[in-house]
Amino acid sequence: MNIHDIDTVAIHPDGESMVIIDQTLLPGEVKLLSLSGREEIWEAIRSLRVRGAPAIGAAAAIGAYLAVRRVYSDDFNEMHAAFIKEKGYLASARPTAVNLFWASERMYKRFLSCRDMARGELIAAMRSEAQAIMDEDAEACRMMGEHGLTLARPGWGILTHCNAGKLATIRYGTATAPIYLGQQRGYNFRVYADETRPLLQGARLTAFELQAAGVDVTLQCDNMAASTMKRGLVQAVFTGADRVAANGDTANKIGTLAAAIAAKRYGIPFYVFAPVSTIDLNTSSGEHIDIEQRDPSEVTDLWYKKPMAPDGIKVLNPAFDVTDAELITAIVTERGIARPPYGESLKALIG
């Protein structure tokens, strides 16, 4: 089963569940999960079975659709109560990824517009809206790829961090979209994928999906990135984002900031790829982004046969860090490329 033949998140053809690739099992096993209950959808988001800002947004949209579908009543107020309950519940799974909230709000607006519909019509409208969110994401990623290719040259070495690939979206990925399009067009990029401690999204996911597509990809430890840049092997850094603040500060997987600082030191352009749904103009700067703190065992135990740290040691395990806008060369969206000053260019892109 080739990973590129499967959408990361989808609505089951019978409309009764959400189908995802269980990313916790990759690269060893490609397994599809069918989720219909609210608890199992929440758990899938929280435990990173589905992850990446756009994919989380898609999961939230389908979760909202399924919440309404589970109400066997024509009473709009009952359906409204179920929707609001689901919306708040799913939001608690991953507080940093703005797409989760964006998709929930979009679904809520569509729900309210269906007040006068019969139950069957309302459910069909909600399913259609969730599908539209996924279809739009795939097209947005393709357009980010087109814009991103204008920033690169054939034969370049590109460094990635975490997974902003097909597995973080429906198709193409954000930061990997120009890599995939370049692969089709003979650009022959060389990709250096940071392993991305502690959850190894670069090793397990990015390296896996790029290799499956025939891309020349080399895996490296996170602390090797600066050395790789210094040796002249990297001509650009491509990363994704879970939230972009109004001033251009960007929250992404922990370790992104270090890569940005190293890129600045060696004069390498640092590009962030994010759909406009990830831009949060209501958050003025990165210092106001809520950073998710995760279980210490991800650092001490998760990938080891036995614990590799002293028993009872204190552990710092933030899921994200914030890259200052001054370190970012440009932010690539489906609508075009934003450059400093981001306070102006991001507003212009969103309109």
Protein backbone atom coordinates (compact mmCIF):
# COMPACT_ATOMS: atom_id res chain seq x y z
CA MET A 1 0.00 0.00 0.00
CA ASN A 2 1.66 3.22 -1.17
CA ILE A 3 1.08 6.11 1.22
CA HIS A 4 0.54 8.49 -1.71
CA ASP A 5 -2.48 6.53 -2.93
CA ILE A 6 -4.43 7.26 0.28
CA ASP A 7 -5.88 10.52 1.58
CA THR A 8 -4.60 11.24 5.10
CA VAL A 9 -8.12 12.00 6.36
CA ALA A 10 -11.38 11.08 4.63
CA ILE A 11 -15.08 10.50 5.18
CA HIS A 12 -15.98 6.82 4.87
CA PRO A 13 -18.14 6.20 1.77
CA ASP A 14 -21.06 5.19 4.00
CA GLY A 15 -20.84 8.55 5.77
CA GLU A 16 -20.83 6.96 9.21
CA SER A 17 -17.18 7.42 10.19
CA MET A 18 -13.88 9.16 9.58
CA VAL A 19 -11.01 7.20 8.03
CA ILE A 20 -7.43 8.14 8.90
CA ILE A 21 -3.95 6.73 8.45
CA ASP A 22 -2.70 5.80 11.93
CA GLN A 23 0.53 7.78 11.93
CA THR A 24 1.72 6.33 15.25
CA LEU A 25 2.43 3.04 13.43
CA LEU A 26 4.47 4.52 10.58
CA PRO A 27 6.80 3.67 8.96
CA GLY A 28 6.50 0.03 10.04
CA GLU A 29 2.82 -0.41 9.21
CA VAL A 30 0.33 1.46 7.04
CA LYS A 31 -3.00 0.98 8.78
CA LEU A 32 -6.33 2.72 8.23
CA LEU A 33 -8.57 3.45 11.22
CA SER A 34 -12.31 4.01 11.02
CA LEU A 35 -13.45 6.37 13.80
CA SER A 36 -17.01 7.31 14.65
CA GLY A 37 -17.18 7.93 18.41
CA ARG A 38 -16.31 11.33 19.86
CA GLU A 39 -13.83 9.89 22.39
CA GLU A 40 -11.89 7.94 19.76
CA ILE A 41 -11.71 10.98 17.47
CA TRP A 42 -10.43 13.11 20.37
CA GLU A 43 -7.88 10.42 21.25
CA ALA A 44 -6.71 10.18 17.64
CA ILE A 45 -6.02 13.94 17.55
CA ARG A 46 -4.42 14.03 20.98
CA SER A 47 -2.20 10.98 20.46
CA LEU A 48 -1.11 12.16 16.99
CA ARG A 49 -2.71 9.32 15.08
CA VAL A 50 -3.81 12.23 12.92
CA ARG A 51 -1.58 15.30 13.08
CA GLY A 52 -0.48 18.36 11.16
CA ALA A 53 -2.51 21.56 11.27
CA PRO A 54 -4.53 21.06 8.03
CA ALA A 55 -5.21 17.37 8.75
CA ILE A 56 -6.33 18.22 12.29
CA GLY A 57 -8.67 20.82 10.82
CA ALA A 58 -10.13 18.21 8.49
CA ALA A 59 -10.57 15.80 11.39
CA ALA A 60 -12.36 18.50 13.39
CA ALA A 61 -14.67 19.23 10.46
CA ILE A 62 -15.61 15.56 10.08
CA GLY A 63 -16.00 15.29 13.85
CA ALA A 64 -18.50 18.15 13.78
CA TYR A 65 -20.43 16.48 10.95
CA LEU A 66 -20.53 13.16 12.80
CA ALA A 67 -21.66 14.87 16.03
CA VAL A 68 -24.74 16.22 14.28
CA ARG A 69 -25.31 12.90 12.50
CA ARG A 70 -25.41 11.08 15.84
CA VAL A 71 -28.45 13.09 16.95
CA TYR A 72 -31.51 11.06 15.91
CA SER A 73 -33.93 13.95 16.17
CA ASP A 74 -35.32 16.71 14.00
CA ASP A 75 -34.99 19.14 16.89
CA PHE A 76 -32.48 21.80 15.83
CA ASN A 77 -31.78 22.73 19.46
CA GLU A 78 -30.74 19.17 20.27
CA MET A 79 -28.40 19.13 17.30
CA HIS A 80 -27.08 22.56 18.26
CA ALA A 81 -26.28 21.38 21.79
CA ALA A 82 -24.48 18.32 20.44
CA PHE A 83 -22.45 20.47 18.03
CA ILE A 84 -21.36 22.94 20.72
CA LYS A 85 -20.38 20.09 23.04
CA GLU A 86 -18.31 18.44 20.31
CA LYS A 87 -16.69 21.72 19.28
CA GLY A 88 -15.40 22.42 22.78
CA TYR A 89 -14.36 18.84 23.36
CA LEU A 90 -12.26 18.51 20.21
CA ALA A 91 -10.66 21.91 20.82
CA SER A 92 -9.18 20.57 24.06
CA ALA A 93 -7.21 17.89 22.21
CA ARG A 94 -4.57 20.20 20.62
CA PRO A 95 -4.66 23.88 21.71
CA THR A 96 -1.91 25.27 19.44
CA ALA A 97 -3.09 24.27 15.96
CA VAL A 98 -5.34 27.12 14.82
CA ASN A 99 -6.81 25.05 11.97
CA LEU A 100 -8.72 22.99 14.50
CA PHE A 101 -10.57 26.09 15.68
CA TRP A 102 -10.87 27.55 12.17
CA ALA A 103 -12.48 24.39 10.79
CA SER A 104 -14.84 24.11 13.77
CA GLU A 105 -15.96 27.71 13.34
CA ARG A 106 -16.50 27.25 9.62
CA MET A 107 -18.60 24.14 10.28
CA TYR A 108 -20.57 26.01 12.93
CA LYS A 109 -21.44 28.82 10.52
CA ARG A 110 -22.61 26.27 7.98
CA PHE A 111 -24.64 24.52 10.67
CA LEU A 112 -26.41 27.74 11.66
CA SER A 113 -27.24 28.44 8.02
CA CYS A 114 -29.11 25.11 7.92
CA ARG A 115 -31.54 25.94 10.72
CA ASP A 116 -34.61 25.61 8.52
CA MET A 117 -33.60 22.37 6.83
CA ALA A 118 -34.95 18.93 7.56
CA ARG A 119 -32.55 16.65 9.43
CA GLY A 120 -31.48 14.73 6.33
CA GLU A 121 -30.78 17.87 4.35
CA LEU A 122 -28.84 19.40 7.26
CA ILE A 123 -26.65 16.32 7.65
CA ALA A 124 -25.97 16.25 3.91
CA ALA A 125 -25.00 19.93 4.01
CA MET A 126 -22.60 19.33 6.91
CA ARG A 127 -20.97 16.41 5.12
CA SER A 128 -20.60 18.52 1.99
CA GLU A 129 -18.94 21.32 3.99
CA ALA A 130 -16.47 18.94 5.62
CA GLN A 131 -15.61 17.49 2.21
CA ALA A 132 -15.17 20.99 0.81
CA ILE A 133 -12.65 21.79 3.57
CA MET A 134 -10.62 18.72 2.56
CA ASP A 135 -10.84 19.41 -1.17
CA GLU A 136 -9.81 23.02 -0.64
CA ASP A 137 -6.84 21.92 1.47
CA ALA A 138 -5.54 19.66 -1.30
CA GLU A 139 -5.81 22.48 -3.84
CA ALA A 140 -4.25 24.98 -1.40
CA CYS A 141 -1.27 22.68 -0.92
CA ARG A 142 -0.84 22.31 -4.67
CA MET A 143 -0.81 26.08 -5.05
CA MET A 144 1.73 26.44 -2.23
CA GLY A 145 3.87 24.04 -4.21
CA GLU A 146 3.61 26.20 -7.32
CA HIS A 147 4.52 29.37 -5.40
CA GLY A 148 7.30 27.57 -3.53
CA LEU A 149 8.93 26.37 -6.73
CA THR A 150 9.50 29.99 -7.75
CA LEU A 151 11.80 30.31 -4.72
CA ALA A 152 13.99 27.28 -5.51
CA ARG A 153 16.41 26.14 -8.17
CA PRO A 154 17.01 22.67 -9.62
CA GLY A 155 19.52 20.62 -7.65
CA TRP A 156 19.12 22.56 -4.41
CA GLY A 157 19.56 20.98 -1.03
CA ILE A 158 16.49 21.61 1.11
CA LEU A 159 16.27 21.08 4.86
CA THR A 160 12.95 20.11 6.45
CA HIS A 161 11.90 19.89 10.09
CA CYS A 162 9.08 17.79 11.51
CA ASN A 163 6.47 16.69 8.96
CA ALA A 164 4.79 19.33 6.84
CA GLY A 165 4.14 16.74 4.19
CA LYS A 166 1.28 14.79 2.69
CA LEU A 167 0.71 13.17 6.09
CA ALA A 168 0.07 16.56 7.71
CA THR A 169 -2.53 17.51 5.09
CA ILE A 170 -4.91 15.71 2.75
CA ARG A 171 -2.48 15.62 -0.20
CA TYR A 172 0.85 17.18 -1.29
CA GLY A 173 1.75 18.72 2.07
CA THR A 174 2.62 22.35 2.68
CA ALA A 175 6.43 22.56 2.88
CA THR A 176 6.82 19.38 0.82
CA ALA A 177 4.47 20.48 -1.97
CA PRO A 178 7.23 22.19 -4.00
CA ILE A 179 9.44 19.14 -3.42
CA TYR A 180 6.80 16.83 -4.88
CA LEU A 181 6.07 19.13 -7.81
CA GLY A 182 9.80 19.52 -8.35
CA GLN A 183 10.19 15.75 -8.37
CA GLN A 184 7.64 15.55 -11.19
CA ARG A 185 9.40 18.29 -13.15
CA GLY A 186 12.98 17.11 -12.87
CA TYR A 187 14.28 19.54 -10.24
CA ASN A 188 16.16 16.72 -8.48
CA PHE A 189 16.12 18.31 -5.05
CA ARG A 190 18.26 16.80 -2.29
CA VAL A 191 16.31 16.82 0.96
CA TYR A 192 17.83 16.70 4.44
CA ALA A 193 15.11 15.67 6.88
CA ASP A 194 15.62 16.46 10.57
CA GLU A 195 14.53 13.47 12.67
CA THR A 196 12.55 15.86 14.96
CA ARG A 197 12.84 14.74 18.55
CA PRO A 198 11.09 13.63 20.66
CA LEU A 199 8.32 12.15 18.47
CA LEU A 200 10.48 11.60 15.37
CA GLN A 201 8.00 12.95 12.84
CA GLY A 202 10.88 13.66 10.46
CA ALA A 203 12.30 10.16 10.71
CA ARG A 204 9.02 8.24 10.79
CA LEU A 205 6.92 10.38 8.47
CA THR A 206 8.81 12.86 6.28
CA ALA A 207 11.65 10.51 5.36
CA PHE A 208 9.11 7.74 4.80
CA GLU A 209 6.78 9.63 2.49
CA LEU A 210 9.55 11.34 0.51
CA GLN A 211 11.35 8.05 -0.01
CA ALA A 212 8.08 6.46 -1.15
CA ALA A 213 7.82 9.20 -3.80
CA GLY A 214 11.37 8.58 -5.05
CA VAL A 215 12.81 11.82 -3.63
CA ASP A 216 16.53 11.92 -2.78
CA VAL A 217 16.16 12.23 1.00
CA THR A 218 18.77 11.96 3.76
CA LEU A 219 17.78 11.62 7.41
CA GLN A 220 19.78 13.48 10.04
CA CYS A 221 19.61 14.14 13.77
CA ASP A 222 18.25 17.56 14.72
CA ASN A 223 21.60 18.65 16.13
CA MET A 224 23.28 18.03 12.78
CA ALA A 225 21.32 20.72 10.92
CA ALA A 226 23.70 23.62 11.57
CA SER A 227 26.69 21.54 10.48
CA THR A 228 24.90 20.51 7.29
CA MET A 229 24.22 24.16 6.54
CA LYS A 230 27.81 25.18 7.28
CA ARG A 231 29.08 22.56 4.82
CA GLY A 232 27.06 24.18 2.03
CA LEU A 233 24.72 21.23 1.55
CA VAL A 234 21.57 23.27 2.20
CA GLN A 235 20.35 26.14 0.01
CA ALA A 236 16.95 26.66 1.66
CA VAL A 237 14.90 25.58 4.68
CA PHE A 238 11.24 24.64 4.14
CA THR A 239 9.03 24.25 7.20
CA GLY A 240 5.32 24.24 7.97
CA ALA A 241 3.43 26.06 10.71
CA ASP A 242 0.69 25.32 13.22
CA ARG A 243 -0.10 28.99 13.80
CA VAL A 244 1.11 32.24 12.26
CA ALA A 245 0.62 35.36 14.37
CA ALA A 246 -0.32 38.73 12.87
CA ASN A 247 3.28 39.98 13.06
CA GLY A 248 4.68 36.89 11.30
CA ASP A 249 5.90 35.03 14.39
CA THR A 250 5.32 31.35 13.68
CA ALA A 251 4.62 28.38 15.95
CA ASN A 252 5.90 25.09 14.60
CA LYS A 253 7.30 21.84 15.96
CA ILE A 254 9.92 22.22 18.66
CA GLY A 255 13.36 22.64 17.08
CA THR A 256 12.20 24.88 14.24
CA LEU A 257 13.58 27.96 16.00
CA ALA A 258 17.07 26.43 16.19
CA ALA A 259 16.97 25.68 12.46
CA ALA A 260 15.91 29.27 11.73
CA ILE A 261 18.73 30.71 13.85
CA ALA A 262 21.29 28.50 12.09
CA ALA A 263 19.90 29.46 8.67
CA LYS A 264 20.21 33.14 9.57
CA ARG A 265 23.82 32.60 10.64
CA TYR A 266 24.76 30.99 7.32
CA GLY A 267 22.70 33.25 5.04
CA ILE A 268 20.26 30.53 4.02
CA PRO A 269 16.64 31.54 3.22
CA PHE A 270 14.09 30.23 5.70
CA TYR A 271 10.63 29.71 4.19
CA VAL A 272 7.45 28.91 6.11
CA PHE A 273 4.59 27.23 4.22
CA ALA A 274 1.10 27.69 5.64
CA PRO A 275 -2.43 27.96 4.26
CA VAL A 276 -4.21 31.22 5.05
CA SER A 277 -6.38 29.26 7.52
CA THR A 278 -3.26 28.95 9.70
CA ILE A 279 -2.77 32.72 9.86
CA ASP A 280 -4.30 34.09 13.06
CA LEU A 281 -4.65 37.87 12.86
CA ASN A 282 -6.32 37.83 16.29
CA THR A 283 -3.01 36.79 17.86
CA SER A 284 -0.73 39.81 17.71
CA SER A 285 2.59 38.01 18.25
CA GLY A 286 4.13 34.69 19.11
CA GLU A 287 4.26 35.43 22.82
CA HIS A 288 0.47 35.07 22.92
CA ILE A 289 0.41 31.60 21.32
CA ASP A 290 -0.59 28.84 23.73
CA ILE A 291 2.18 26.22 23.57
CA GLU A 292 1.08 22.67 24.25
CA GLN A 293 3.06 20.80 26.93
CA ARG A 294 3.20 17.06 26.38
CA ASP A 295 3.83 13.95 28.47
CA PRO A 296 7.41 13.65 29.83
CA SER A 297 7.47 9.97 28.85
CA GLU A 298 7.76 11.00 25.19
CA VAL A 299 11.30 12.14 26.03
CA THR A 300 12.37 9.50 28.55
CA ASP A 301 10.61 6.26 27.57
CA LEU A 302 8.69 6.26 24.30
CA TRP A 303 11.28 4.99 21.82
CA TYR A 304 13.35 2.89 24.22
CA LYS A 305 13.08 -0.68 25.47
CA LYS A 306 13.84 0.69 28.93
CA PRO A 307 13.89 4.27 30.29
CA MET A 308 16.93 6.26 29.17
CA ALA A 309 16.83 8.90 31.90
CA PRO A 310 17.06 8.83 35.72
CA ASP A 311 13.83 7.87 37.45
CA GLY A 312 11.89 10.95 38.57
CA ILE A 313 13.93 13.43 36.48
CA LYS A 314 12.15 16.66 35.61
CA VAL A 315 11.38 16.91 31.89
CA LEU A 316 10.61 19.90 29.68
CA ASN A 317 8.54 18.79 26.68
CA PRO A 318 6.87 21.64 24.78
CA ALA A 319 5.34 20.47 21.51
CA PHE A 320 6.18 23.71 19.67
CA ASP A 321 8.47 26.70 19.68
CA VAL A 322 7.97 30.14 18.14
CA THR A 323 10.22 31.36 15.34
CA ASP A 324 10.55 35.15 15.38
CA ALA A 325 9.35 36.91 12.26
CA GLU A 326 12.76 38.52 11.75
CA LEU A 327 14.23 35.04 11.09
CA ILE A 328 11.68 34.19 8.37
CA THR A 329 12.54 35.09 4.78
CA ALA A 330 8.99 34.63 3.48
CA ILE A 331 5.70 32.93 4.30
CA VAL A 332 4.25 30.95 1.39
CA THR A 333 0.47 30.55 1.19
CA GLU A 334 -1.92 29.31 -1.48
CA ARG A 335 -2.73 32.94 -2.31
CA GLY A 336 0.85 34.05 -2.78
CA ILE A 337 4.05 34.83 -0.91
CA ALA A 338 4.13 37.21 2.08
CA ARG A 339 7.34 39.06 2.84
CA PRO A 340 8.31 41.48 5.63
CA PRO A 341 6.76 43.55 7.05
CA TYR A 342 4.35 40.72 7.79
CA GLY A 343 1.92 42.93 9.66
CA GLU A 344 1.04 44.39 6.27
CA SER A 345 1.61 41.50 3.84
CA LEU A 346 -0.37 38.90 5.80
CA LYS A 347 -3.37 41.22 6.07
CA ALA A 348 -3.19 41.87 2.34
CA LEU A 349 -3.18 38.13 1.56
CA ILE A 350 -6.21 37.46 3.77
CA GLY A 351 -8.03 40.48 2.48
